[in-house]
Protein backbone atom coordinates (compact mmCIF):
# COMPACT_ATOMS: atom_id res chain seq x y z
CA MET A 1 98.78 130.94 73.80
CA ALA A 2 101.50 128.41 74.62
CA ASP A 3 102.13 130.11 77.97
CA THR A 4 98.43 130.07 78.79
CA LEU A 5 98.19 126.41 77.87
CA GLU A 6 101.20 125.60 80.06
CA VAL A 7 99.74 127.51 83.04
CA LEU A 8 96.33 125.85 82.63
CA SER A 9 97.89 122.41 82.28
CA ASN A 10 100.00 122.85 85.41
CA GLU A 11 97.00 124.06 87.40
CA ALA A 12 94.85 121.19 86.15
CA LEU A 13 97.43 118.58 87.10
CA VAL A 14 97.24 119.52 90.79
CA LEU A 15 93.47 119.00 90.92
CA PRO A 16 92.16 115.88 92.65
CA PRO A 17 91.67 112.92 90.27
CA ASP A 18 87.88 113.23 90.15
CA GLN A 19 88.09 116.90 89.18
CA ARG A 20 90.75 116.17 86.52
CA ALA A 21 88.47 113.49 85.08
CA GLU A 22 85.54 115.91 85.01
CA LEU A 23 87.69 118.57 83.35
CA ALA A 24 88.92 116.08 80.75
CA TYR A 25 85.34 115.04 80.04
CA ARG A 26 84.20 118.64 79.61
CA LEU A 27 87.08 119.39 77.26
CA LEU A 28 86.42 116.32 75.13
CA VAL A 29 82.71 117.03 74.91
CA SER A 30 83.48 120.60 73.84
CA ILE A 31 85.36 119.41 70.74
CA GLU A 32 83.33 116.36 69.73
CA PRO A 33 80.97 117.01 66.86
CA ASP A 34 77.30 116.59 67.61
CA SER A 35 75.98 113.21 66.50
CA PRO A 36 73.30 113.52 63.87
CA ALA A 37 70.03 111.88 64.79
CA CYS A 38 70.52 109.24 62.08
CA THR A 39 73.82 108.18 63.68
CA ASP A 40 72.18 107.86 67.09
CA ALA A 41 69.35 105.82 65.57
CA ALA A 42 71.84 103.56 63.80
CA TRP A 43 73.70 102.93 67.05
CA ASP A 44 70.42 102.17 68.83
CA GLN A 45 69.59 99.59 66.15
CA GLU A 46 73.06 98.06 66.38
CA ILE A 47 72.78 97.77 70.16
CA GLU A 48 69.39 96.10 69.86
CA ARG A 49 70.78 93.69 67.24
CA ARG A 50 73.72 92.74 69.43
CA ILE A 51 71.52 92.21 72.49
CA ALA A 52 69.16 90.02 70.45
CA ARG A 53 72.10 87.92 69.17
CA PHE A 54 73.42 87.52 72.70
CA ASP A 55 69.99 86.59 74.06
CA ALA A 56 69.58 84.03 71.26
CA GLY A 57 72.94 82.45 72.14
CA GLU A 58 74.54 83.50 68.85
CA SER A 59 77.31 85.42 70.57
CA ARG A 60 79.07 85.19 73.90
CA SER A 61 80.50 87.60 76.38
CA ILE A 62 84.18 87.75 77.26
CA PRO A 63 85.21 88.56 80.83
CA ALA A 64 86.89 91.95 81.14
CA ALA A 65 90.00 90.39 82.70
CA GLU A 66 90.46 88.25 79.57
CA VAL A 67 89.97 91.24 77.27
CA PHE A 68 92.54 93.30 79.18
CA ALA A 69 94.99 90.38 79.23
CA ARG A 70 94.70 90.05 75.45
CA LEU A 71 95.16 93.78 75.01
CA SER A 72 98.32 93.81 77.10
CA GLU A 73 99.73 91.05 74.94
CA ILE A 74 99.04 93.10 71.82
CA ALA A 75 100.10 96.49 73.19
CA PRO A 76 102.05 96.20 76.44
CA THR A 77 101.93 99.23 78.71
CA ARG A 78 105.04 101.32 78.97
């Protein structure tokens, strides 16, 4: 098994970036548990609640550059 994993990994690493991303996505989807319908419904409600709060001016957006800057302060990249 370890040899097979090593061979597959080496072959995957020479793929173009878009194909590696697609492979990674397929692998992740294959091991993620299916979301129960109640979880999906709960997320839909949460999204609607957050959008309503934003539209009502009760929350604000933060530019992505600011978010990433804060993250790098907390956990600098190696």
